[in-house]
Amino acid sequence: IGLAFLSCPMCGRQEDVSNAGIRKAFADSLKPPFQHRRTAAEIHRCRKGHRTDIKPTEWAKYGYAQNDDVLKREIVYDGQTLPIPRVKRHEITPEEFLKEFAEKKRPVIIEDACSSWPASSRWSLTALEERFRHIDFKVGKTDKGKNIQLKMKYFVDYCRHQQDDSPLYLFETKMDDTSAMRHLLDDFEMPDLFPHDWLALMNHDARPPHRWWCIGPKRSGTTVHTDPLGTAAWNAVTHGVKRWVLFEPSTPKRIAKAKDVVQKGEDTEAIMYFDFLLPRLKDAYPDVRSYEGLQHPGDIIFVPGDWWHGVLNLEDCVAVTQNYCGPDNFDSVWCRARKDREKVAYLWWRNMRKFAPRLYERALELNSRDGFRMRHMRGAGEKLDDSADSSSDSSSSDSTSDDAEDLTVDGLQAILDPGVKLGLTERKRSVPMADGEAFTSATSRRRYDSADMPSCV
């Protein structure tokens, strides 16, 4: 009987096998022992749809599950690798945060900022499996942009047993729209350091995705990118540990994404970036500074607009994150939105006129300053000047209809979270703008604050 050799896709080990039965037994021994009978088939389906550049059977070919050195590697700080600033929540007020970090566009990790949330106990994998066992969540997209969904019971099973180098990552955006998921909104609150959500003035259907609930298995992560439209973001971790790397907005894209140091045939997933691409990048560009740090349960990280950032999940992580526009970044977000998302910006502008007249006036000032003409002001066939450039990696088509309905007062209340501020008041109220000036609402429109807000669930 001739001998056949079969290699383990995870560690490279070879075994002599002499017939199909033995080969099958050996192959089966390499598969993670999932608890549910259908998990393996469901995961195969998701892998196949999410990545077409590799086969579903090749997701563990580099053997990172057998060698977790990159997950345990300490961050060595020096003149090039700087620590992300850290502050304890009880040591800073919202006003101090706005002045010292948001307005100065400085990233920071705020410790113990969300440890009191109910999510600290409700978002363990065991609790989530019990609550959402048969609910489908988004774990990827196909090349054609179609969402790939997986039941929670299969995803939790996968998290507990997966051996993938760069595992599937659950990113759900429909907490507000799906009744079964809306219960997640009971588990956390808007951090009081981030009370503004001026993008809520957009029509709900037109507003780009802005909030994500995430479960990232160990070794999963996100490659280096910037957030859309120049928005800033906060990310709150309730379970697990994340490793972050950030680069200043002035860092060229090709450097931040390590395009100049990746070699032919190498994968560029987050695990590979933190393993060997980031060290190579630092060696090749010693003058480029990176900011790095670990985010633990209860911590919230603030990422200013246009900062490059990437994440590696060192453990199974559960988090919620939101992009926002507020007094610290309205100018930059408006200037980006009016170019990159013309129709959305027009609807946003119309609702500013109705509900936030001083914000509307500020948008007009910025347009006048830059000589910018909005789409309804341009003549037939007159195109937008393409000289401005967006640093965001995320591209989204502007397919919104110009005929979309404006918000009403009731509609605006319905889409706002408790505690969200839009700067509307019955009395004159100063709100700091991004450039330091104050604008005051002198209208008689009512203020939408936590006392007025209906529950979102």
Protein backbone atom coordinates (compact mmCIF):
# COMPACT_ATOMS: atom_id res chain seq x y z
CA ILE A 1 0.00 0.00 0.00
CA GLY A 2 1.48 3.35 -1.03
CA LEU A 3 1.92 6.05 1.57
CA ALA A 4 0.30 9.48 1.31
CA PHE A 5 1.33 12.56 3.24
CA LEU A 6 -1.16 15.06 4.69
CA SER A 7 -0.03 18.41 6.14
CA CYS A 8 -1.73 20.16 9.00
CA PRO A 9 -2.86 23.60 7.73
CA MET A 10 -2.29 25.12 11.17
CA CYS A 11 1.14 23.88 12.25
CA GLY A 12 2.63 22.25 9.14
CA ARG A 13 2.85 18.82 10.78
CA GLN A 14 2.87 15.91 8.28
CA GLU A 15 1.31 12.51 8.81
CA ASP A 16 1.65 9.30 6.81
CA VAL A 17 -1.77 8.01 5.79
CA SER A 18 -2.53 5.05 3.62
CA ASN A 19 -6.23 5.17 2.82
CA ALA A 20 -9.16 7.53 2.58
CA GLY A 21 -10.55 6.54 5.98
CA ILE A 22 -7.32 7.38 7.80
CA ARG A 23 -6.96 10.63 5.87
CA LYS A 24 -10.50 11.60 6.81
CA ALA A 25 -9.90 10.75 10.46
CA PHE A 26 -6.75 12.86 10.51
CA ALA A 27 -8.49 15.79 8.79
CA ASP A 28 -11.39 15.57 11.25
CA SER A 29 -8.93 15.69 14.14
CA LEU A 30 -7.76 19.10 12.94
CA LYS A 31 -11.24 20.64 13.01
CA PRO A 32 -12.26 22.61 16.11
CA PRO A 33 -14.65 20.54 18.28
CA PHE A 34 -17.71 22.75 17.88
CA GLN A 35 -20.58 22.14 20.27
CA HIS A 36 -23.40 22.49 17.75
CA ARG A 37 -23.78 20.09 14.86
CA ARG A 38 -24.35 22.85 12.29
CA THR A 39 -21.67 25.28 13.44
CA ALA A 40 -18.94 23.96 11.14
CA ALA A 41 -21.13 24.22 8.04
CA GLU A 42 -22.37 27.70 8.99
CA ILE A 43 -18.84 28.95 9.60
CA HIS A 44 -17.70 27.47 6.26
CA ARG A 45 -20.50 29.39 4.55
CA CYS A 46 -19.51 32.66 6.21
CA ARG A 47 -15.81 32.22 5.50
CA LYS A 48 -16.50 31.43 1.87
CA GLY A 49 -18.64 34.52 1.40
CA HIS A 50 -16.47 36.94 3.38
CA ARG A 51 -13.08 36.26 1.82
CA THR A 52 -12.70 35.09 -1.76
CA ASP A 53 -8.92 35.59 -1.79
CA ILE A 54 -8.36 32.42 0.26
CA LYS A 55 -10.20 29.13 0.61
CA PRO A 56 -12.39 28.52 3.68
CA THR A 57 -9.97 25.74 4.67
CA GLU A 58 -7.01 28.18 4.69
CA TRP A 59 -8.15 30.50 7.44
CA ALA A 60 -5.78 28.83 9.92
CA LYS A 61 -2.85 28.16 7.59
CA TYR A 62 -0.36 30.39 9.43
CA GLY A 63 -0.91 28.71 12.80
CA TYR A 64 -1.40 31.83 14.93
CA ALA A 65 -3.69 29.87 17.26
CA GLN A 66 -0.77 27.59 18.13
CA ASN A 67 1.65 30.45 18.74
CA ASP A 68 0.14 33.40 20.58
CA ASP A 69 3.39 35.34 20.91
CA VAL A 70 1.95 38.36 19.11
CA LEU A 71 -0.93 38.51 21.61
CA LYS A 72 1.45 38.49 24.58
CA ARG A 73 4.09 40.80 23.12
CA GLU A 74 4.72 43.83 25.30
CA ILE A 75 4.57 47.32 23.85
CA VAL A 76 8.01 48.91 24.14
CA TYR A 77 7.73 52.68 24.36
CA ASP A 78 10.47 54.97 23.08
CA GLY A 79 10.81 58.20 21.12
CA GLN A 80 8.97 56.65 18.16
CA THR A 81 6.36 54.50 19.94
CA LEU A 82 4.42 56.69 22.34
CA PRO A 83 1.75 55.67 24.88
CA ILE A 84 -1.83 56.71 24.24
CA PRO A 85 -2.63 59.16 27.06
CA ARG A 86 -4.71 57.70 29.87
CA VAL A 87 -6.94 59.34 32.45
CA LYS A 88 -9.30 57.94 35.07
CA ARG A 89 -12.93 58.90 34.60
CA HIS A 90 -13.31 60.39 38.08
CA GLU A 91 -10.33 62.66 37.46
CA ILE A 92 -11.80 64.55 34.51
CA THR A 93 -15.02 66.49 33.89
CA PRO A 94 -16.85 66.68 30.55
CA GLU A 95 -15.74 70.30 30.24
CA GLU A 96 -12.10 69.37 30.85
CA PHE A 97 -12.33 66.50 28.36
CA LEU A 98 -13.71 68.84 25.68
CA LYS A 99 -10.97 71.39 26.30
CA GLU A 100 -7.97 69.09 26.76
CA PHE A 101 -8.71 66.27 24.32
CA ALA A 102 -11.68 66.76 21.96
CA GLU A 103 -10.91 70.33 20.88
CA LYS A 104 -7.17 69.59 20.67
CA LYS A 105 -7.87 66.36 18.76
CA ARG A 106 -5.78 64.28 21.17
CA PRO A 107 -6.60 60.57 21.56
CA VAL A 108 -7.06 59.30 25.09
CA ILE A 109 -8.12 56.16 26.98
CA ILE A 110 -10.55 56.96 29.79
CA GLU A 111 -10.31 54.26 32.44
CA ASP A 112 -13.35 53.03 34.37
CA ALA A 113 -15.70 55.03 32.16
CA CYS A 114 -18.25 52.29 31.46
CA SER A 115 -17.66 49.68 34.16
CA SER A 116 -21.00 50.48 35.78
CA TRP A 117 -23.02 49.69 32.66
CA PRO A 118 -25.40 46.69 32.85
CA ALA A 119 -23.49 45.44 29.80
CA SER A 120 -20.63 44.48 32.10
CA SER A 121 -22.64 41.44 33.12
CA ARG A 122 -25.15 41.14 30.27
CA TRP A 123 -22.58 40.98 27.47
CA SER A 124 -20.60 37.92 28.48
CA LEU A 125 -20.61 35.27 25.75
CA THR A 126 -22.73 32.97 27.91
CA ALA A 127 -25.32 35.67 28.62
CA LEU A 128 -25.46 36.75 24.98
CA GLU A 129 -25.99 33.19 23.82
CA GLU A 130 -28.90 32.83 26.21
CA ARG A 131 -30.52 36.15 25.23
CA PHE A 132 -30.02 36.11 21.45
CA ARG A 133 -29.59 32.44 20.70
CA HIS A 134 -31.55 32.34 17.44
CA ILE A 135 -31.03 35.95 16.30
CA ASP A 136 -28.98 36.58 13.17
CA PHE A 137 -26.10 39.08 13.41
CA LYS A 138 -23.82 40.49 10.74
CA VAL A 139 -20.39 38.85 10.60
CA GLY A 140 -19.17 40.06 7.22
CA LYS A 141 -19.95 41.15 3.68
CA THR A 142 -19.63 39.54 0.28
CA ASP A 143 -17.65 41.11 -2.54
CA LYS A 144 -20.96 42.48 -3.82
CA GLY A 145 -21.75 44.17 -0.50
CA LYS A 146 -24.38 41.73 0.73
CA ASN A 147 -24.43 41.19 4.48
CA ILE A 148 -23.39 37.79 5.80
CA GLN A 149 -25.37 36.81 8.89
CA LEU A 150 -24.95 34.12 11.51
CA LYS A 151 -27.07 33.03 14.48
CA MET A 152 -25.66 34.03 17.84
CA LYS A 153 -25.49 30.44 19.11
CA TYR A 154 -23.21 29.48 16.22
CA PHE A 155 -21.04 32.58 16.59
CA VAL A 156 -20.51 32.01 20.32
CA ASP A 157 -19.68 28.38 19.59
CA TYR A 158 -17.19 29.60 16.99
CA CYS A 159 -15.61 32.10 19.43
CA ARG A 160 -15.01 29.37 22.00
CA HIS A 161 -13.39 26.88 19.62
CA GLN A 162 -12.08 28.71 16.52
CA GLN A 163 -8.45 28.34 15.43
CA ASP A 164 -8.48 30.95 12.65
CA ASP A 165 -5.57 33.32 12.12
CA SER A 166 -7.93 36.25 11.55
CA PRO A 167 -11.40 35.18 12.73
CA LEU A 168 -14.81 36.41 11.65
CA TYR A 169 -15.77 39.66 13.41
CA LEU A 170 -19.36 40.42 14.43
CA PHE A 171 -20.17 44.07 13.54
CA GLU A 172 -23.86 44.90 13.96
CA THR A 173 -25.32 48.27 12.97
CA LYS A 174 -29.05 47.58 13.34
CA MET A 175 -29.57 47.77 17.08
CA ASP A 176 -32.02 50.63 16.60
CA ASP A 177 -33.90 49.05 13.70
CA THR A 178 -34.41 45.43 14.76
CA SER A 179 -36.80 44.70 17.61
CA ALA A 180 -34.88 41.63 18.75
CA MET A 181 -31.62 43.59 18.99
CA ARG A 182 -33.12 46.72 20.50
CA HIS A 183 -32.77 45.21 23.96
CA LEU A 184 -29.04 45.86 23.66
CA LEU A 185 -29.81 49.56 24.02
CA ASP A 186 -30.92 48.86 27.60
CA ASP A 187 -27.44 47.65 28.47
CA PHE A 188 -25.44 50.86 27.98
CA GLU A 189 -25.84 54.61 27.97
CA MET A 190 -24.37 57.48 26.02
CA PRO A 191 -21.14 58.43 27.81
CA ASP A 192 -21.53 61.88 29.32
CA LEU A 193 -18.16 62.85 27.81
CA PHE A 194 -19.74 62.50 24.37
CA PRO A 195 -23.21 64.07 24.64
CA HIS A 196 -23.41 65.61 21.18
CA ASP A 197 -24.87 63.90 18.15
CA TRP A 198 -25.47 66.57 15.56
CA LEU A 199 -25.61 63.98 12.79
CA ALA A 200 -28.97 62.99 14.29
CA LEU A 201 -30.34 65.97 12.39
CA MET A 202 -29.99 63.87 9.25
CA ASN A 203 -32.98 61.86 8.09
CA HIS A 204 -32.81 58.46 9.74
CA ASP A 205 -32.87 56.55 6.45
CA ALA A 206 -30.22 58.81 4.91
CA ARG A 207 -27.81 58.82 7.83
CA PRO A 208 -24.71 56.68 7.23
CA PRO A 209 -23.98 53.89 9.77
CA HIS A 210 -22.65 55.51 12.92
CA ARG A 211 -22.96 52.98 15.76
CA TRP A 212 -21.67 49.42 15.89
CA TRP A 213 -22.03 46.66 18.45
CA CYS A 214 -19.12 44.28 18.12
CA ILE A 215 -17.87 40.89 19.22
CA GLY A 216 -14.28 40.26 18.17
CA PRO A 217 -12.86 36.81 18.83
CA LYS A 218 -9.25 36.50 19.93
CA ARG A 219 -6.85 37.40 17.05
CA SER A 220 -9.52 39.32 15.12
CA GLY A 221 -9.15 43.02 14.49
CA THR A 222 -9.47 45.90 12.06
CA THR A 223 -6.78 47.06 9.67
CA VAL A 224 -5.54 50.63 9.87
CA HIS A 225 -8.08 53.16 8.57
CA THR A 226 -9.68 56.54 9.23
CA ASP A 227 -13.36 57.02 10.01
CA PRO A 228 -15.76 58.42 7.38
CA LEU A 229 -16.48 62.12 6.92
CA GLY A 230 -13.85 63.14 9.45
CA THR A 231 -16.06 62.07 12.37
CA ALA A 232 -14.56 61.38 15.78
CA ALA A 233 -15.36 58.16 17.64
CA TRP A 234 -15.60 56.61 21.06
CA ASN A 235 -15.24 52.88 21.70
CA ALA A 236 -16.29 51.24 24.97
CA VAL A 237 -15.06 47.75 25.90
CA THR A 238 -17.06 45.67 28.38
CA HIS A 239 -15.22 42.36 27.95
CA GLY A 240 -11.74 41.47 26.75
CA VAL A 241 -8.62 43.47 25.92
CA LYS A 242 -7.87 45.41 22.73
CA ARG A 243 -4.49 46.60 21.50
CA TRP A 244 -4.59 49.91 19.59
CA VAL A 245 -2.21 51.69 17.26
CA LEU A 246 -2.84 55.24 16.07
CA PHE A 247 -1.03 57.56 13.69
CA GLU A 248 -1.40 61.33 13.36
CA PRO A 249 -3.56 62.61 10.49
CA SER A 250 -0.46 63.94 8.71
CA THR A 251 0.90 60.40 8.30
CA PRO A 252 0.68 59.39 4.60
CA LYS A 253 -1.80 56.61 3.88
CA ARG A 254 0.79 54.32 2.30
CA ILE A 255 2.92 54.52 5.47
CA ALA A 256 0.12 54.09 8.01
CA LYS A 257 -1.24 51.08 6.11
CA ALA A 258 2.30 49.66 5.67
CA LYS A 259 1.87 49.44 1.91
CA ASP A 260 5.56 50.09 1.30
CA VAL A 261 6.78 47.25 3.51
CA VAL A 262 4.36 44.42 2.74
CA GLN A 263 5.91 41.71 0.60
CA LYS A 264 4.32 39.81 -2.25
CA GLY A 265 2.08 37.01 -1.05
CA GLU A 266 1.80 38.28 2.52
CA ASP A 267 -1.58 38.69 4.18
CA THR A 268 -2.40 42.09 5.65
CA GLU A 269 -5.03 41.22 8.27
CA ALA A 270 -4.75 42.87 11.70
CA ILE A 271 -2.88 39.94 13.27
CA MET A 272 -0.19 40.16 10.56
CA TYR A 273 -0.05 43.95 10.80
CA PHE A 274 0.72 43.89 14.51
CA ASP A 275 3.00 40.85 14.15
CA PHE A 276 5.43 41.94 11.44
CA LEU A 277 4.15 44.86 9.33
CA LEU A 278 4.12 47.42 12.16
CA PRO A 279 7.70 46.58 13.25
CA ARG A 280 8.86 46.82 9.63
CA LEU A 281 7.07 50.13 9.23
CA LYS A 282 8.86 51.54 12.28
CA ASP A 283 12.24 50.38 10.98
CA ALA A 284 11.60 51.85 7.53
CA TYR A 285 10.26 55.19 8.81
CA PRO A 286 11.98 56.03 12.13
CA ASP A 287 10.57 59.57 12.09
CA VAL A 288 6.95 58.40 12.00
CA ARG A 289 5.38 58.32 15.44
CA SER A 290 2.83 55.74 16.51
CA TYR A 291 0.63 55.89 19.60
CA GLU A 292 -0.12 52.53 21.19
CA GLY A 293 -1.92 51.16 24.22
CA LEU A 294 -4.20 48.52 25.70
CA GLN A 295 -7.91 49.02 26.34
CA HIS A 296 -9.32 46.94 29.19
CA PRO A 297 -12.91 46.21 30.27
CA GLY A 298 -14.53 49.42 31.50
CA ASP A 299 -12.28 51.65 29.38
CA ILE A 300 -13.46 54.03 26.66
CA ILE A 301 -11.04 55.24 24.00
CA PHE A 302 -11.49 58.52 22.15
CA VAL A 303 -10.25 58.59 18.54
CA PRO A 304 -10.26 62.09 17.01
CA GLY A 305 -11.32 62.58 13.41
CA ASP A 306 -8.78 61.77 10.66
CA TRP A 307 -6.47 59.83 12.98
CA TRP A 308 -5.35 56.52 11.48
CA HIS A 309 -6.12 53.62 13.81
CA GLY A 310 -6.09 49.84 13.90
CA VAL A 311 -7.08 47.26 16.50
CA LEU A 312 -6.10 43.74 17.50
CA ASN A 313 -8.30 41.79 19.93
CA LEU A 314 -5.98 40.05 22.40
CA GLU A 315 -8.94 38.23 23.95
CA ASP A 316 -12.56 37.65 22.99
CA CYS A 317 -13.86 41.22 23.11
CA VAL A 318 -17.31 42.79 23.30
CA ALA A 319 -17.65 46.51 22.65
CA VAL A 320 -19.89 49.28 21.38
CA THR A 321 -18.58 52.19 19.34
CA GLN A 322 -20.08 55.31 17.82
CA ASN A 323 -18.94 58.02 15.43
CA TYR A 324 -20.18 61.51 16.23
CA CYS A 325 -20.25 65.13 15.17
CA GLY A 326 -20.27 67.81 17.84
CA PRO A 327 -18.84 71.22 18.74
CA ASP A 328 -15.29 69.94 18.50
CA ASN A 329 -15.48 68.73 14.90
CA PHE A 330 -18.53 70.20 13.14
CA ASP A 331 -16.49 72.37 10.78
CA SER A 332 -14.42 69.48 9.42
CA VAL A 333 -17.36 67.04 9.25
CA TRP A 334 -19.57 69.53 7.40
CA CYS A 335 -16.83 70.36 4.89
CA ARG A 336 -16.27 66.66 4.23
CA ALA A 337 -19.95 65.73 4.05
CA ARG A 338 -20.91 68.49 1.61
CA LYS A 339 -18.34 67.11 -0.86
CA ASP A 340 -18.37 63.34 -0.29
CA ARG A 341 -22.08 62.91 0.46
CA GLU A 342 -23.81 65.74 -1.38
CA LYS A 343 -27.39 64.52 -1.09
CA VAL A 344 -27.03 63.57 2.56
CA ALA A 345 -25.42 66.94 3.31
CA TYR A 346 -28.30 68.75 1.63
CA LEU A 347 -30.87 66.91 3.77
CA TRP A 348 -28.77 67.56 6.88
CA TRP A 349 -28.56 71.25 5.95
CA ARG A 350 -32.34 71.48 5.48
CA ASN A 351 -32.96 70.02 8.92
CA MET A 352 -30.37 72.33 10.48
CA ARG A 353 -32.42 75.21 9.13
CA LYS A 354 -35.53 73.88 10.88
CA PHE A 355 -34.12 72.66 14.19
CA ALA A 356 -30.67 74.24 14.69
CA PRO A 357 -30.62 77.63 12.97
CA ARG A 358 -27.24 78.69 14.36
CA LEU A 359 -25.72 75.44 13.11
CA TYR A 360 -27.31 76.18 9.75
CA GLU A 361 -25.78 79.64 9.80
CA ARG A 362 -22.36 78.19 10.59
CA ALA A 363 -22.65 75.84 7.61
CA LEU A 364 -23.48 78.85 5.42
CA GLU A 365 -20.44 80.69 6.79
CA LEU A 366 -18.18 77.77 5.92
CA ASN A 367 -19.67 77.53 2.44
CA SER A 368 -19.15 81.25 1.91
CA ARG A 369 -15.59 81.11 3.24
CA ASP A 370 -14.67 78.34 0.81
CA GLY A 371 -16.74 79.55 -2.12
CA PHE A 372 -18.66 76.28 -2.00
CA ARG A 373 -21.94 75.98 -3.88
CA MET A 374 -24.29 73.21 -2.80
CA ARG A 375 -25.95 70.98 -5.37
CA HIS A 376 -29.24 72.90 -5.45
CA MET A 377 -27.32 76.14 -6.07
CA ARG A 378 -25.34 74.89 -9.05
CA GLY A 379 -26.55 75.18 -12.61
CA ALA A 380 -27.48 72.25 -14.83
CA GLY A 381 -24.38 70.27 -15.72
CA GLU A 382 -22.21 72.19 -13.24
CA LYS A 383 -20.10 69.66 -11.39
CA LEU A 384 -18.49 69.77 -7.98
CA ASP A 385 -14.82 70.70 -7.89
CA ASP A 386 -12.86 67.50 -7.22
CA SER A 387 -9.79 69.25 -5.84
CA ALA A 388 -10.59 68.39 -2.23
CA ASP A 389 -9.55 64.96 -1.09
CA SER A 390 -10.83 62.66 1.64
CA SER A 391 -8.43 60.61 3.72
CA SER A 392 -11.05 58.11 4.72
CA ASP A 393 -10.70 54.59 3.47
CA SER A 394 -14.42 54.09 3.67
CA SER A 395 -16.33 54.92 0.52
CA SER A 396 -20.09 55.03 0.48
CA SER A 397 -22.32 55.86 -2.42
CA ASP A 398 -24.55 58.91 -2.15
CA SER A 399 -27.74 57.22 -3.26
CA THR A 400 -30.11 59.20 -1.06
CA SER A 401 -33.04 60.82 -2.84
CA ASP A 402 -33.30 64.60 -2.81
CA ASP A 403 -37.01 64.16 -2.24
CA ALA A 404 -36.60 62.44 1.14
CA GLU A 405 -38.89 63.92 3.77
CA ASP A 406 -37.55 66.32 6.36
CA LEU A 407 -37.65 65.45 10.03
CA THR A 408 -40.49 66.56 12.26
CA VAL A 409 -40.20 67.41 15.95
CA ASP A 410 -41.67 64.02 16.86
CA GLY A 411 -39.41 62.28 14.39
CA LEU A 412 -36.36 64.00 15.82
CA GLN A 413 -37.24 62.93 19.36
CA ALA A 414 -37.71 59.35 18.25
CA ILE A 415 -34.20 58.95 16.85
CA LEU A 416 -32.27 60.62 19.66
CA ASP A 417 -30.70 58.76 22.55
CA PRO A 418 -31.24 59.89 26.13
CA GLY A 419 -28.73 62.60 27.00
CA VAL A 420 -28.02 63.65 23.42
CA LYS A 421 -27.60 67.39 22.94
CA LEU A 422 -28.28 69.32 19.76
CA GLY A 423 -27.76 72.81 21.18
CA LEU A 424 -31.43 73.80 20.93
CA THR A 425 -32.92 75.77 23.78
CA GLU A 426 -35.75 78.03 24.81
CA ARG A 427 -33.22 80.49 26.22
CA LYS A 428 -30.05 81.79 24.70
CA ARG A 429 -27.39 79.19 25.23
CA SER A 430 -23.77 79.33 24.14
CA VAL A 431 -22.30 76.25 22.50
CA PRO A 432 -18.57 76.18 21.65
CA MET A 433 -17.75 75.74 17.98
CA ALA A 434 -14.75 73.92 16.60
CA ASP A 435 -12.80 77.15 16.11
CA GLY A 436 -13.43 78.38 19.64
CA GLU A 437 -16.19 80.88 18.88
CA ALA A 438 -19.58 80.45 20.51
CA PHE A 439 -22.87 80.34 18.71
CA THR A 440 -26.14 81.08 20.47
CA SER A 441 -29.62 79.86 19.70
CA ALA A 442 -32.09 82.71 20.11
CA THR A 443 -35.03 80.75 18.84
CA SER A 444 -37.99 79.64 20.90
CA ARG A 445 -37.55 76.01 19.91
CA ARG A 446 -37.40 73.59 22.81
CA ARG A 447 -34.17 71.98 23.87
CA TYR A 448 -33.84 68.24 23.46
CA ASP A 449 -31.98 66.94 26.48
CA SER A 450 -32.19 64.01 28.85
CA ALA A 451 -35.27 65.40 30.58
CA ASP A 452 -37.21 65.48 27.30
CA MET A 453 -36.01 62.27 25.73
CA PRO A 454 -38.35 59.33 25.30
CA SER A 455 -36.84 55.92 25.80
CA CYS A 456 -35.27 54.44 22.67
CA VAL A 457 -36.32 50.89 23.54
